PDB file of N, CA and C in Angstrom:
ATOM      1  N   MET A   1    -105.352 -66.767  60.094  1.00  0.00           N
ATOM      2  CA  MET A   1    -105.118 -65.836  61.180  1.00  0.00           C
ATOM      3  C   MET A   1    -103.721 -66.075  61.769  1.00  0.00           C
ATOM      4  N   ILE A   2    -103.196 -65.054  62.363  1.00  0.00           N
ATOM      5  CA  ILE A   2    -101.880 -65.113  62.986  1.00  0.00           C
ATOM      6  C   ILE A   2    -101.965 -65.970  64.249  1.00  0.00           C
ATOM      7  N   SER A   3    -101.009 -66.883  64.411  1.00  0.00           N
ATOM      8  CA  SER A   3    -101.015 -67.730  65.600  1.00  0.00           C
ATOM      9  C   SER A   3    -100.600 -66.920  66.821  1.00  0.00           C
ATOM     10  N   LYS A   4    -100.972 -67.414  68.000  1.00  0.00           N
ATOM     11  CA  LYS A   4    -100.657 -66.711  69.244  1.00  0.00           C
ATOM     12  C   LYS A   4     -99.154 -66.549  69.452  1.00  0.00           C
ATOM     13  N   SER A   5     -98.386 -67.530  68.998  1.00  0.00           N
ATOM     14  CA  SER A   5     -96.931 -67.443  69.173  1.00  0.00           C
ATOM     15  C   SER A   5     -96.329 -66.329  68.324  1.00  0.00           C
ATOM     16  N   GLN A   6     -97.013 -65.932  67.268  1.00  0.00           N
ATOM     17  CA  GLN A   6     -96.513 -64.878  66.391  1.00  0.00           C
ATOM     18  C   GLN A   6     -96.933 -63.479  66.835  1.00  0.00           C
ATOM     19  N   LYS A   7     -97.850 -63.368  67.767  1.00  0.00           N
ATOM     20  CA  LYS A   7     -98.395 -62.073  68.151  1.00  0.00           C
ATOM     21  C   LYS A   7     -97.344 -61.122  68.704  1.00  0.00           C
ATOM     22  N   ASN A   8     -96.271 -61.619  69.272  1.00  0.00           N
ATOM     23  CA  ASN A   8     -95.237 -60.755  69.833  1.00  0.00           C
ATOM     24  C   ASN A   8     -94.187 -60.359  68.806  1.00  0.00           C
ATOM     25  N   ASP A   9     -94.234 -60.943  67.653  1.00  0.00           N
ATOM     26  CA  ASP A   9     -93.278 -60.632  66.613  1.00  0.00           C
ATOM     27  C   ASP A   9     -93.465 -59.178  66.180  1.00  0.00           C
ATOM     28  N   SER A  10     -92.401 -58.413  66.175  1.00  0.00           N
ATOM     29  CA  SER A  10     -92.502 -56.980  65.878  1.00  0.00           C
ATOM     30  C   SER A  10     -93.001 -56.708  64.467  1.00  0.00           C
ATOM     31  N   GLN A  11     -92.632 -57.526  63.497  1.00  0.00           N
ATOM     32  CA  GLN A  11     -93.103 -57.330  62.128  1.00  0.00           C
ATOM     33  C   GLN A  11     -94.605 -57.565  62.035  1.00  0.00           C
ATOM     34  N   VAL A  12     -95.090 -58.571  62.738  1.00  0.00           N
ATOM     35  CA  VAL A  12     -96.527 -58.858  62.751  1.00  0.00           C
ATOM     36  C   VAL A  12     -97.270 -57.685  63.385  1.00  0.00           C
ATOM     37  N   THR A  13     -96.753 -57.178  64.490  1.00  0.00           N
ATOM     38  CA  THR A  13     -97.361 -56.041  65.166  1.00  0.00           C
ATOM     39  C   THR A  13     -97.349 -54.807  64.269  1.00  0.00           C
ATOM     40  N   LYS A  14     -96.235 -54.582  63.597  1.00  0.00           N
ATOM     41  CA  LYS A  14     -96.125 -53.435  62.695  1.00  0.00           C
ATOM     42  C   LYS A  14     -97.157 -53.532  61.574  1.00  0.00           C
ATOM     43  N   THR A  15     -97.300 -54.692  60.965  1.00  0.00           N
ATOM     44  CA  THR A  15     -98.261 -54.885  59.881  1.00  0.00           C
ATOM     45  C   THR A  15     -99.688 -54.727  60.398  1.00  0.00           C
ATOM     46  N   HIS A  16     -99.953 -55.284  61.553  1.00  0.00           N
ATOM     47  CA  HIS A  16    -101.271 -55.170  62.196  1.00  0.00           C
ATOM     48  C   HIS A  16    -101.627 -53.690  62.376  1.00  0.00           C
ATOM     49  N   ASN A  17    -100.674 -52.920  62.885  1.00  0.00           N
ATOM     50  CA  ASN A  17    -100.889 -51.489  63.108  1.00  0.00           C
ATOM     51  C   ASN A  17    -101.057 -50.731  61.794  1.00  0.00           C
ATOM     52  N   LEU A  18    -100.290 -51.098  60.770  1.00  0.00           N
ATOM     53  CA  LEU A  18    -100.436 -50.468  59.454  1.00  0.00           C
ATOM     54  C   LEU A  18    -101.846 -50.670  58.898  1.00  0.00           C
ATOM     55  N   ILE A  19    -102.359 -51.869  59.061  1.00  0.00           N
ATOM     56  CA  ILE A  19    -103.704 -52.173  58.573  1.00  0.00           C
ATOM     57  C   ILE A  19    -104.738 -51.362  59.347  1.00  0.00           C
ATOM     58  N   GLN A  20    -104.591 -51.292  60.659  1.00  0.00           N
ATOM     59  CA  GLN A  20    -105.526 -50.507  61.464  1.00  0.00           C
ATOM     60  C   GLN A  20    -105.458 -49.020  61.099  1.00  0.00           C
ATOM     61  N   GLU A  21    -104.260 -48.488  60.897  1.00  0.00           N
ATOM     62  CA  GLU A  21    -104.102 -47.082  60.527  1.00  0.00           C
ATOM     63  C   GLU A  21    -104.720 -46.804  59.160  1.00  0.00           C
ATOM     64  N   ALA A  22    -104.546 -47.723  58.219  1.00  0.00           N
ATOM     65  CA  ALA A  22    -105.152 -47.566  56.895  1.00  0.00           C
ATOM     66  C   ALA A  22    -106.671 -47.560  57.013  1.00  0.00           C
ATOM     67  N   PHE A  23    -107.183 -48.445  57.832  1.00  0.00           N
ATOM     68  CA  PHE A  23    -108.622 -48.524  58.075  1.00  0.00           C
ATOM     69  C   PHE A  23    -109.147 -47.210  58.652  1.00  0.00           C
ATOM     70  N   LEU A  24    -108.463 -46.672  59.647  1.00  0.00           N
ATOM     71  CA  LEU A  24    -108.888 -45.410  60.264  1.00  0.00           C
ATOM     72  C   LEU A  24    -108.825 -44.256  59.278  1.00  0.00           C
ATOM     73  N   SER A  25    -107.801 -44.241  58.471  1.00  0.00           N
ATOM     74  CA  SER A  25    -107.666 -43.206  57.451  1.00  0.00           C
ATOM     75  C   SER A  25    -108.845 -43.259  56.480  1.00  0.00           C
ATOM     76  N   LEU A  26    -109.189 -44.445  56.045  1.00  0.00           N
ATOM     77  CA  LEU A  26    -110.326 -44.608  55.133  1.00  0.00           C
ATOM     78  C   LEU A  26    -111.644 -44.263  55.818  1.00  0.00           C
ATOM     79  N   ALA A  27    -111.751 -44.594  57.106  1.00  0.00           N
ATOM     80  CA  ALA A  27    -112.979 -44.325  57.854  1.00  0.00           C
ATOM     81  C   ALA A  27    -113.233 -42.826  57.988  1.00  0.00           C
ATOM     82  N   ASN A  28    -112.193 -42.024  57.880  1.00  0.00           N
ATOM     83  CA  ASN A  28    -112.364 -40.574  57.907  1.00  0.00           C
ATOM     84  C   ASN A  28    -112.817 -40.025  56.563  1.00  0.00           C
ATOM     85  N   GLU A  29    -112.741 -40.845  55.537  1.00  0.00           N
ATOM     86  CA  GLU A  29    -113.108 -40.417  54.183  1.00  0.00           C
ATOM     87  C   GLU A  29    -114.461 -40.943  53.724  1.00  0.00           C
ATOM     88  N   LYS A  30    -114.812 -42.147  54.187  1.00  0.00           N
ATOM     89  CA  LYS A  30    -116.083 -42.727  53.750  1.00  0.00           C
ATOM     90  C   LYS A  30    -116.661 -43.624  54.832  1.00  0.00           C
ATOM     91  N   SER A  31    -117.908 -44.017  54.638  1.00  0.00           N
ATOM     92  CA  SER A  31    -118.595 -44.818  55.653  1.00  0.00           C
ATOM     93  C   SER A  31    -118.028 -46.236  55.712  1.00  0.00           C
ATOM     94  N   PHE A  32    -118.236 -46.868  56.819  1.00  0.00           N
ATOM     95  CA  PHE A  32    -117.757 -48.232  57.033  1.00  0.00           C
ATOM     96  C   PHE A  32    -118.271 -49.165  55.939  1.00  0.00           C
ATOM     97  N   GLU A  33    -119.535 -49.012  55.572  1.00  0.00           N
ATOM     98  CA  GLU A  33    -120.145 -49.880  54.568  1.00  0.00           C
ATOM     99  C   GLU A  33    -119.424 -49.787  53.226  1.00  0.00           C
ATOM    100  N   ASP A  34    -118.868 -48.612  52.930  1.00  0.00           N
ATOM    101  CA  ASP A  34    -118.216 -48.386  51.643  1.00  0.00           C
ATOM    102  C   ASP A  34    -116.736 -48.772  51.623  1.00  0.00           C
ATOM    103  N   ILE A  35    -116.183 -49.101  52.757  1.00  0.00           N
ATOM    104  CA  ILE A  35    -114.777 -49.499  52.834  1.00  0.00           C
ATOM    105  C   ILE A  35    -114.672 -50.992  52.509  1.00  0.00           C
ATOM    106  N   THR A  36    -113.747 -51.325  51.625  1.00  0.00           N
ATOM    107  CA  THR A  36    -113.534 -52.726  51.266  1.00  0.00           C
ATOM    108  C   THR A  36    -112.165 -53.189  51.761  1.00  0.00           C
ATOM    109  N   VAL A  37    -111.997 -54.495  51.827  1.00  0.00           N
ATOM    110  CA  VAL A  37    -110.698 -55.061  52.191  1.00  0.00           C
ATOM    111  C   VAL A  37    -109.658 -54.642  51.157  1.00  0.00           C
ATOM    112  N   LYS A  38    -110.070 -54.554  49.912  1.00  0.00           N
ATOM    113  CA  LYS A  38    -109.163 -54.099  48.857  1.00  0.00           C
ATOM    114  C   LYS A  38    -108.688 -52.677  49.142  1.00  0.00           C
ATOM    115  N   ASP A  39    -109.602 -51.795  49.546  1.00  0.00           N
ATOM    116  CA  ASP A  39    -109.241 -50.415  49.895  1.00  0.00           C
ATOM    117  C   ASP A  39    -108.227 -50.382  51.041  1.00  0.00           C
ATOM    118  N   ILE A  40    -108.509 -51.172  52.066  1.00  0.00           N
ATOM    119  CA  ILE A  40    -107.648 -51.199  53.252  1.00  0.00           C
ATOM    120  C   ILE A  40    -106.264 -51.719  52.886  1.00  0.00           C
ATOM    121  N   SER A  41    -106.230 -52.817  52.143  1.00  0.00           N
ATOM    122  CA  SER A  41    -104.956 -53.418  51.748  1.00  0.00           C
ATOM    123  C   SER A  41    -104.125 -52.459  50.901  1.00  0.00           C
ATOM    124  N   LYS A  42    -104.790 -51.794  49.976  1.00  0.00           N
ATOM    125  CA  LYS A  42    -104.089 -50.837  49.116  1.00  0.00           C
ATOM    126  C   LYS A  42    -103.529 -49.686  49.938  1.00  0.00           C
ATOM    127  N   ARG A  43    -104.338 -49.132  50.854  1.00  0.00           N
ATOM    128  CA  ARG A  43    -103.885 -48.011  51.682  1.00  0.00           C
ATOM    129  C   ARG A  43    -102.743 -48.433  52.600  1.00  0.00           C
ATOM    130  N   ALA A  44    -102.779 -49.656  53.085  1.00  0.00           N
ATOM    131  CA  ALA A  44    -101.736 -50.151  53.992  1.00  0.00           C
ATOM    132  C   ALA A  44    -100.513 -50.672  53.244  1.00  0.00           C
ATOM    133  N   SER A  45    -100.613 -50.747  51.933  1.00  0.00           N
ATOM    134  CA  SER A  45     -99.542 -51.296  51.086  1.00  0.00           C
ATOM    135  C   SER A  45     -99.188 -52.731  51.464  1.00  0.00           C
ATOM    136  N   VAL A  46    -100.243 -53.521  51.648  1.00  0.00           N
ATOM    137  CA  VAL A  46    -100.069 -54.952  51.917  1.00  0.00           C
ATOM    138  C   VAL A  46    -100.968 -55.735  50.966  1.00  0.00           C
ATOM    139  N   ASN A  47    -100.632 -56.986  50.739  1.00  0.00           N
ATOM    140  CA  ASN A  47    -101.472 -57.863  49.929  1.00  0.00           C
ATOM    141  C   ASN A  47    -102.749 -58.190  50.681  1.00  0.00           C
ATOM    142  N   ARG A  48    -103.789 -58.504  49.925  1.00  0.00           N
ATOM    143  CA  ARG A  48    -105.038 -58.925  50.579  1.00  0.00           C
ATOM    144  C   ARG A  48    -104.816 -60.164  51.437  1.00  0.00           C
ATOM    145  N   SER A  49    -103.940 -61.051  50.989  1.00  0.00           N
ATOM    146  CA  SER A  49    -103.662 -62.259  51.777  1.00  0.00           C
ATOM    147  C   SER A  49    -103.023 -61.888  53.119  1.00  0.00           C
ATOM    148  N   THR A  50    -102.242 -60.830  53.131  1.00  0.00           N
ATOM    149  CA  THR A  50    -101.655 -60.358  54.395  1.00  0.00           C
ATOM    150  C   THR A  50    -102.756 -59.826  55.298  1.00  0.00           C
ATOM    151  N   PHE A  51    -103.681 -59.065  54.726  1.00  0.00           N
ATOM    152  CA  PHE A  51    -104.820 -58.585  55.509  1.00  0.00           C
ATOM    153  C   PHE A  51    -105.526 -59.767  56.160  1.00  0.00           C
ATOM    154  N   TYR A  52    -105.833 -60.793  55.343  1.00  0.00           N
ATOM    155  CA  TYR A  52    -106.571 -61.949  55.858  1.00  0.00           C
ATOM    156  C   TYR A  52    -105.748 -62.808  56.822  1.00  0.00           C
ATOM    157  N   ALA A  53    -104.444 -62.658  56.818  1.00  0.00           N
ATOM    158  CA  ALA A  53    -103.621 -63.349  57.814  1.00  0.00           C
ATOM    159  C   ALA A  53    -103.794 -62.707  59.189  1.00  0.00           C
ATOM    160  N   HIS A  54    -104.196 -61.436  59.197  1.00  0.00           N
ATOM    161  CA  HIS A  54    -104.367 -60.695  60.454  1.00  0.00           C
ATOM    162  C   HIS A  54    -105.824 -60.595  60.897  1.00  0.00           C
ATOM    163  N   PHE A  55    -106.735 -60.495  59.937  1.00  0.00           N
ATOM    164  CA  PHE A  55    -108.148 -60.291  60.247  1.00  0.00           C
ATOM    165  C   PHE A  55    -109.013 -61.150  59.338  1.00  0.00           C
ATOM    166  N   GLU A  56    -110.141 -61.617  59.867  1.00  0.00           N
ATOM    167  CA  GLU A  56    -111.066 -62.424  59.073  1.00  0.00           C
ATOM    168  C   GLU A  56    -111.735 -61.587  57.992  1.00  0.00           C
ATOM    169  N   ASP A  57    -112.101 -60.367  58.345  1.00  0.00           N
ATOM    170  CA  ASP A  57    -112.782 -59.461  57.428  1.00  0.00           C
ATOM    171  C   ASP A  57    -112.776 -58.063  58.044  1.00  0.00           C
ATOM    172  N   LYS A  58    -113.445 -57.120  57.407  1.00  0.00           N
ATOM    173  CA  LYS A  58    -113.418 -55.748  57.922  1.00  0.00           C
ATOM    174  C   LYS A  58    -114.174 -55.633  59.246  1.00  0.00           C
ATOM    175  N   TYR A  59    -115.128 -56.510  59.490  1.00  0.00           N
ATOM    176  CA  TYR A  59    -115.859 -56.494  60.754  1.00  0.00           C
ATOM    177  C   TYR A  59    -114.950 -56.931  61.898  1.00  0.00           C
ATOM    178  N   ASN A  60    -114.129 -57.932  61.634  1.00  0.00           N
ATOM    179  CA  ASN A  60    -113.152 -58.383  62.616  1.00  0.00           C
ATOM    180  C   ASN A  60    -112.121 -57.289  62.886  1.00  0.00           C
ATOM    181  N   LEU A  61    -111.741 -56.556  61.853  1.00  0.00           N
ATOM    182  CA  LEU A  61    -110.824 -55.431  62.004  1.00  0.00           C
ATOM    183  C   LEU A  61    -111.453 -54.346  62.864  1.00  0.00           C
ATOM    184  N   LEU A  62    -112.710 -54.023  62.616  1.00  0.00           N
ATOM    185  CA  LEU A  62    -113.417 -53.030  63.430  1.00  0.00           C
ATOM    186  C   LEU A  62    -113.479 -53.480  64.882  1.00  0.00           C
ATOM    187  N   ASP A  63    -113.799 -54.742  65.101  1.00  0.00           N
ATOM    188  CA  ASP A  63    -113.859 -55.287  66.457  1.00  0.00           C
ATOM    189  C   ASP A  63    -112.495 -55.189  67.137  1.00  0.00           C
ATOM    190  N   SER A  64    -111.451 -55.502  66.413  1.00  0.00           N
ATOM    191  CA  SER A  64    -110.091 -55.412  66.954  1.00  0.00           C
ATOM    192  C   SER A  64    -109.747 -53.977  67.335  1.00  0.00           C
ATOM    193  N   PHE A  65    -110.094 -53.032  66.461  1.00  0.00           N
ATOM    194  CA  PHE A  65    -109.835 -51.621  66.739  1.00  0.00           C
ATOM    195  C   PHE A  65    -110.564 -51.181  68.003  1.00  0.00           C
ATOM    196  N   ILE A  66    -111.843 -51.511  68.093  1.00  0.00           N
ATOM    197  CA  ILE A  66    -112.649 -51.116  69.247  1.00  0.00           C
ATOM    198  C   ILE A  66    -112.078 -51.725  70.526  1.00  0.00           C
ATOM    199  N   THR A  67    -111.751 -52.997  70.477  1.00  0.00           N
ATOM    200  CA  THR A  67    -111.189 -53.680  71.642  1.00  0.00           C
ATOM    201  C   THR A  67    -109.860 -53.071  72.057  1.00  0.00           C
ATOM    202  N   ASP A  68    -108.976 -52.826  71.094  1.00  0.00           N
ATOM    203  CA  ASP A  68    -107.665 -52.237  71.400  1.00  0.00           C
ATOM    204  C   ASP A  68    -107.807 -50.873  72.053  1.00  0.00           C
ATOM    205  N   LYS A  69    -108.664 -50.020  71.491  1.00  0.00           N
ATOM    206  CA  LYS A  69    -108.852 -48.679  72.055  1.00  0.00           C
ATOM    207  C   LYS A  69    -109.435 -48.752  73.459  1.00  0.00           C
ATOM    208  N   PHE A  70    -110.424 -49.609  73.640  1.00  0.00           N
ATOM    209  CA  PHE A  70    -111.049 -49.734  74.952  1.00  0.00           C
ATOM    210  C   PHE A  70    -110.061 -50.259  75.991  1.00  0.00           C
ATOM    211  N   MET A  71    -109.313 -51.289  75.629  1.00  0.00           N
ATOM    212  CA  MET A  71    -108.366 -51.878  76.583  1.00  0.00           C
ATOM    213  C   MET A  71    -107.238 -50.906  76.919  1.00  0.00           C
ATOM    214  N   THR A  72    -106.870 -50.047  75.996  1.00  0.00           N
ATOM    215  CA  THR A  72    -105.858 -49.026  76.277  1.00  0.00           C
ATOM    216  C   THR A  72    -106.354 -48.087  77.372  1.00  0.00           C
ATOM    217  N   ILE A  73    -107.609 -47.676  77.247  1.00  0.00           N
ATOM    218  CA  ILE A  73    -108.184 -46.785  78.261  1.00  0.00           C
ATOM    219  C   ILE A  73    -108.313 -47.510  79.596  1.00  0.00           C
ATOM    220  N   VAL A  74    -108.807 -48.735  79.581  1.00  0.00           N
ATOM    221  CA  VAL A  74    -108.975 -49.503  80.822  1.00  0.00           C
ATOM    222  C   VAL A  74    -107.637 -49.716  81.509  1.00  0.00           C
ATOM    223  N   SER A  75    -106.638 -50.159  80.766  1.00  0.00           N
ATOM    224  CA  SER A  75    -105.345 -50.466  81.392  1.00  0.00           C
ATOM    225  C   SER A  75    -104.634 -49.223  81.907  1.00  0.00           C
ATOM    226  N   SER A  76    -104.974 -48.064  81.373  1.00  0.00           N
ATOM    227  CA  SER A  76    -104.358 -46.834  81.877  1.00  0.00           C
ATOM    228  C   SER A  76    -105.001 -46.372  83.191  1.00  0.00           C
ATOM    229  N   ARG A  77    -106.197 -46.886  83.489  1.00  0.00           N
ATOM    230  CA  ARG A  77    -106.904 -46.416  84.681  1.00  0.00           C
ATOM    231  C   ARG A  77    -107.158 -47.488  85.728  1.00  0.00           C
ATOM    232  N   ILE A  78    -107.101 -48.747  85.326  1.00  0.00           N
ATOM    233  CA  ILE A  78    -107.328 -49.838  86.281  1.00  0.00           C
ATOM    234  C   ILE A  78    -106.234 -50.872  86.088  1.00  0.00           C
ATOM    235  N   HIS A  79    -105.519 -51.184  87.149  1.00  0.00           N
ATOM    236  CA  HIS A  79    -104.446 -52.169  87.077  1.00  0.00           C
ATOM    237  C   HIS A  79    -105.023 -53.579  87.103  1.00  0.00           C
ATOM    238  N   SER A  80    -104.316 -54.505  86.531  1.00  0.00           N
ATOM    239  CA  SER A  80    -104.797 -55.887  86.428  1.00  0.00           C
ATOM    240  C   SER A  80    -104.981 -56.552  87.794  1.00  0.00           C
ATOM    241  N   TYR A  81    -104.272 -56.082  88.797  1.00  0.00           N
ATOM    242  CA  TYR A  81    -104.377 -56.679  90.126  1.00  0.00           C
ATOM    243  C   TYR A  81    -105.465 -56.018  90.987  1.00  0.00           C
ATOM    244  N   THR A  82    -106.179 -55.053  90.470  1.00  0.00           N
ATOM    245  CA  THR A  82    -107.217 -54.353  91.210  1.00  0.00           C
ATOM    246  C   THR A  82    -108.377 -55.290  91.500  1.00  0.00           C
ATOM    247  N   LYS A  83    -108.839 -55.266  92.742  1.00  0.00           N
ATOM    248  CA  LYS A  83    -109.975 -56.089  93.134  1.00  0.00           C
ATOM    249  C   LYS A  83    -111.267 -55.433  92.668  1.00  0.00           C
ATOM    250  N   LEU A  84    -112.255 -56.261  92.400  1.00  0.00           N
ATOM    251  CA  LEU A  84    -113.545 -55.767  91.964  1.00  0.00           C
ATOM    252  C   LEU A  84    -114.313 -55.236  93.173  1.00  0.00           C
ATOM    253  N   THR A  85    -114.481 -53.951  93.203  1.00  0.00           N
ATOM    254  CA  THR A  85    -115.209 -53.279  94.284  1.00  0.00           C
ATOM    255  C   THR A  85    -116.231 -52.334  93.664  1.00  0.00           C
ATOM    256  N   GLU A  86    -117.007 -51.695  94.512  1.00  0.00           N
ATOM    257  CA  GLU A  86    -117.967 -50.712  94.015  1.00  0.00           C
ATOM    258  C   GLU A  86    -117.239 -49.570  93.303  1.00  0.00           C
ATOM    259  N   GLU A  87    -116.109 -49.162  93.837  1.00  0.00           N
ATOM    260  CA  GLU A  87    -115.328 -48.090  93.207  1.00  0.00           C
ATOM    261  C   GLU A  87    -114.782 -48.535  91.846  1.00  0.00           C
ATOM    262  N   THR A  88    -114.326 -49.773  91.768  1.00  0.00           N
ATOM    263  CA  THR A  88    -113.824 -50.291  90.495  1.00  0.00           C
ATOM    264  C   THR A  88    -114.940 -50.311  89.451  1.00  0.00           C
ATOM    265  N   LEU A  89    -116.126 -50.748  89.850  1.00  0.00           N
ATOM    266  CA  LEU A  89    -117.262 -50.756  88.933  1.00  0.00           C
ATOM    267  C   LEU A  89    -117.620 -49.334  88.495  1.00  0.00           C
ATOM    268  N   ARG A  90    -117.578 -48.408  89.417  1.00  0.00           N
ATOM    269  CA  ARG A  90    -117.834 -47.009  89.085  1.00  0.00           C
ATOM    270  C   ARG A  90    -116.811 -46.520  88.061  1.00  0.00           C
ATOM    271  N   ASN A  91    -115.546 -46.866  88.285  1.00  0.00           N
ATOM    272  CA  ASN A  91    -114.489 -46.489  87.342  1.00  0.00           C
ATOM    273  C   ASN A  91    -114.709 -47.105  85.965  1.00  0.00           C
ATOM    274  N   LEU A  92    -115.157 -48.349  85.933  1.00  0.00           N
ATOM    275  CA  LEU A  92    -115.434 -49.002  84.653  1.00  0.00           C
ATOM    276  C   LEU A  92    -116.551 -48.286  83.893  1.00  0.00           C
ATOM    277  N   ILE A  93    -117.563 -47.849  84.616  1.00  0.00           N
ATOM    278  CA  ILE A  93    -118.653 -47.105  83.976  1.00  0.00           C
ATOM    279  C   ILE A  93    -118.131 -45.782  83.437  1.00  0.00           C
ATOM    280  N   LEU A  94    -117.307 -45.096  84.213  1.00  0.00           N
ATOM    281  CA  LEU A  94    -116.719 -43.837  83.745  1.00  0.00           C
ATOM    282  C   LEU A  94    -115.791 -44.062  82.554  1.00  0.00           C
ATOM    283  N   ILE A  95    -115.074 -45.174  82.575  1.00  0.00           N
ATOM    284  CA  ILE A  95    -114.205 -45.525  81.446  1.00  0.00           C
ATOM    285  C   ILE A  95    -115.042 -45.721  80.187  1.00  0.00           C
ATOM    286  N   MET A  96    -116.179 -46.404  80.316  1.00  0.00           N
ATOM    287  CA  MET A  96    -117.064 -46.601  79.160  1.00  0.00           C
ATOM    288  C   MET A  96    -117.527 -45.255  78.610  1.00  0.00           C
ATOM    289  N   CYS A  97    -117.874 -44.345  79.487  1.00  0.00           N
ATOM    290  CA  CYS A  97    -118.303 -43.012  79.046  1.00  0.00           C
ATOM    291  C   CYS A  97    -117.161 -42.287  78.341  1.00  0.00           C
ATOM    292  N   ASP A  98    -115.976 -42.330  78.919  1.00  0.00           N
ATOM    293  CA  ASP A  98    -114.807 -41.691  78.305  1.00  0.00           C
ATOM    294  C   ASP A  98    -114.487 -42.317  76.953  1.00  0.00           C
ATOM    295  N   TYR A  99    -114.608 -43.634  76.891  1.00  0.00           N
ATOM    296  CA  TYR A  99    -114.328 -44.353  75.653  1.00  0.00           C
ATOM    297  C   TYR A  99    -115.282 -43.905  74.548  1.00  0.00           C
ATOM    298  N   HIS A 100    -116.569 -43.894  74.839  1.00  0.00           N
ATOM    299  CA  HIS A 100    -117.544 -43.485  73.830  1.00  0.00           C
ATOM    300  C   HIS A 100    -117.361 -42.034  73.414  1.00  0.00           C
ATOM    301  N   GLN A 101    -117.016 -41.192  74.362  1.00  0.00           N
ATOM    302  CA  GLN A 101    -116.760 -39.792  74.031  1.00  0.00           C
ATOM    303  C   GLN A 101    -115.526 -39.675  73.134  1.00  0.00           C
ATOM    304  N   SER A 102    -114.472 -40.410  73.463  1.00  0.00           N
ATOM    305  CA  SER A 102    -113.239 -40.382  72.682  1.00  0.00           C
ATOM    306  C   SER A 102    -113.471 -40.887  71.258  1.00  0.00           C
ATOM    307  N   ILE A 103    -114.114 -42.021  71.135  1.00  0.00           N
ATOM    308  CA  ILE A 103    -114.386 -42.596  69.818  1.00  0.00           C
ATOM    309  C   ILE A 103    -115.330 -41.680  69.033  1.00  0.00           C
ATOM    310  N   GLY A 104    -116.351 -41.185  69.712  1.00  0.00           N
ATOM    311  CA  GLY A 104    -117.333 -40.324  69.053  1.00  0.00           C
ATOM    312  C   GLY A 104    -116.753 -39.023  68.542  1.00  0.00           C
ATOM    313  N   SER A 105    -115.771 -38.478  69.240  1.00  0.00           N
ATOM    314  CA  SER A 105    -115.206 -37.197  68.812  1.00  0.00           C
ATOM    315  C   SER A 105    -113.982 -37.366  67.913  1.00  0.00           C
ATOM    316  N   ASN A 106    -113.209 -38.424  68.089  1.00  0.00           N
ATOM    317  CA  ASN A 106    -112.004 -38.625  67.285  1.00  0.00           C
ATOM    318  C   ASN A 106    -112.244 -39.419  66.002  1.00  0.00           C
ATOM    319  N   TYR A 107    -113.259 -40.238  66.009  1.00  0.00           N
ATOM    320  CA  TYR A 107    -113.542 -41.088  64.856  1.00  0.00           C
ATOM    321  C   TYR A 107    -115.033 -40.985  64.514  1.00  0.00           C
ATOM    322  N   THR A 108    -115.491 -39.774  64.279  1.00  0.00           N
ATOM    323  CA  THR A 108    -116.911 -39.481  64.114  1.00  0.00           C
ATOM    324  C   THR A 108    -117.579 -40.339  63.054  1.00  0.00           C
ATOM    325  N   ARG A 109    -117.024 -40.367  61.865  1.00  0.00           N
ATOM    326  CA  ARG A 109    -117.652 -41.116  60.769  1.00  0.00           C
ATOM    327  C   ARG A 109    -117.696 -42.609  61.093  1.00  0.00           C
ATOM    328  N   LEU A 110    -116.608 -43.152  61.612  1.00  0.00           N
ATOM    329  CA  LEU A 110    -116.562 -44.570  61.968  1.00  0.00           C
ATOM    330  C   LEU A 110    -117.553 -44.874  63.078  1.00  0.00           C
ATOM    331  N   TYR A 111    -117.617 -44.016  64.070  1.00  0.00           N
ATOM    332  CA  TYR A 111    -118.526 -44.205  65.206  1.00  0.00           C
ATOM    333  C   TYR A 111    -119.978 -44.257  64.721  1.00  0.00           C
ATOM    334  N   LYS A 112    -120.342 -43.334  63.843  1.00  0.00           N
ATOM    335  CA  LYS A 112    -121.714 -43.309  63.322  1.00  0.00           C
ATOM    336  C   LYS A 112    -121.997 -44.559  62.496  1.00  0.00           C
ATOM    337  N   SER A 113    -121.058 -44.979  61.661  1.00  0.00           N
ATOM    338  CA  SER A 113    -121.251 -46.173  60.835  1.00  0.00           C
ATOM    339  C   SER A 113    -121.391 -47.421  61.691  1.00  0.00           C
ATOM    340  N   ALA A 114    -120.534 -47.547  62.703  1.00  0.00           N
ATOM    341  CA  ALA A 114    -120.558 -48.731  63.567  1.00  0.00           C
ATOM    342  C   ALA A 114    -121.841 -48.745  64.396  1.00  0.00           C
ATOM    343  N   THR A 115    -122.316 -47.584  64.814  1.00  0.00           N
ATOM    344  CA  THR A 115    -123.534 -47.508  65.588  1.00  0.00           C
ATOM    345  C   THR A 115    -124.720 -47.978  64.750  1.00  0.00           C
ATOM    346  N   VAL A 116    -124.763 -47.590  63.498  1.00  0.00           N
ATOM    347  CA  VAL A 116    -125.828 -48.019  62.600  1.00  0.00           C
ATOM    348  C   VAL A 116    -125.783 -49.525  62.414  1.00  0.00           C
ATOM    349  N   LEU A 117    -124.584 -50.100  62.300  1.00  0.00           N
ATOM    350  CA  LEU A 117    -124.430 -51.537  62.102  1.00  0.00           C
ATOM    351  C   LEU A 117    -124.920 -52.338  63.296  1.00  0.00           C
ATOM    352  N   ASN A 118    -124.796 -51.790  64.490  1.00  0.00           N
ATOM    353  CA  ASN A 118    -125.156 -52.520  65.702  1.00  0.00           C
ATOM    354  C   ASN A 118    -126.627 -52.406  66.056  1.00  0.00           C
ATOM    355  N   CYS A 119    -127.388 -51.554  65.355  1.00  0.00           N
ATOM    356  CA  CYS A 119    -128.816 -51.370  65.669  1.00  0.00           C
ATOM    357  C   CYS A 119    -129.674 -52.383  64.969  1.00  0.00           C
TER     358      CYS A 119
END
């Protein structure tokens, strides 16, 4: 895995994003279960060893994608210095709803596959 000191490196970030984009592209074509690390690496034009330098496996990649998308929505609506109040909790619940709606409509096949995996 990539060390924390390397996370800010632009090349590492670029490769990380390429892998995620390849994964999303494949997720629009076939189910999560049918996507392999080989497929992702080939689509991203990276070696499998490069994939494994960024992610443990495709499940870790899915988790990273979900976390990144969710945190993007959260950080756009709640600042890090915001105190935890009833309104903040209400906003977090609304963010969760928006997140699920966004993922469900923009990444339909992936959303359905991931939902099946979590049941």
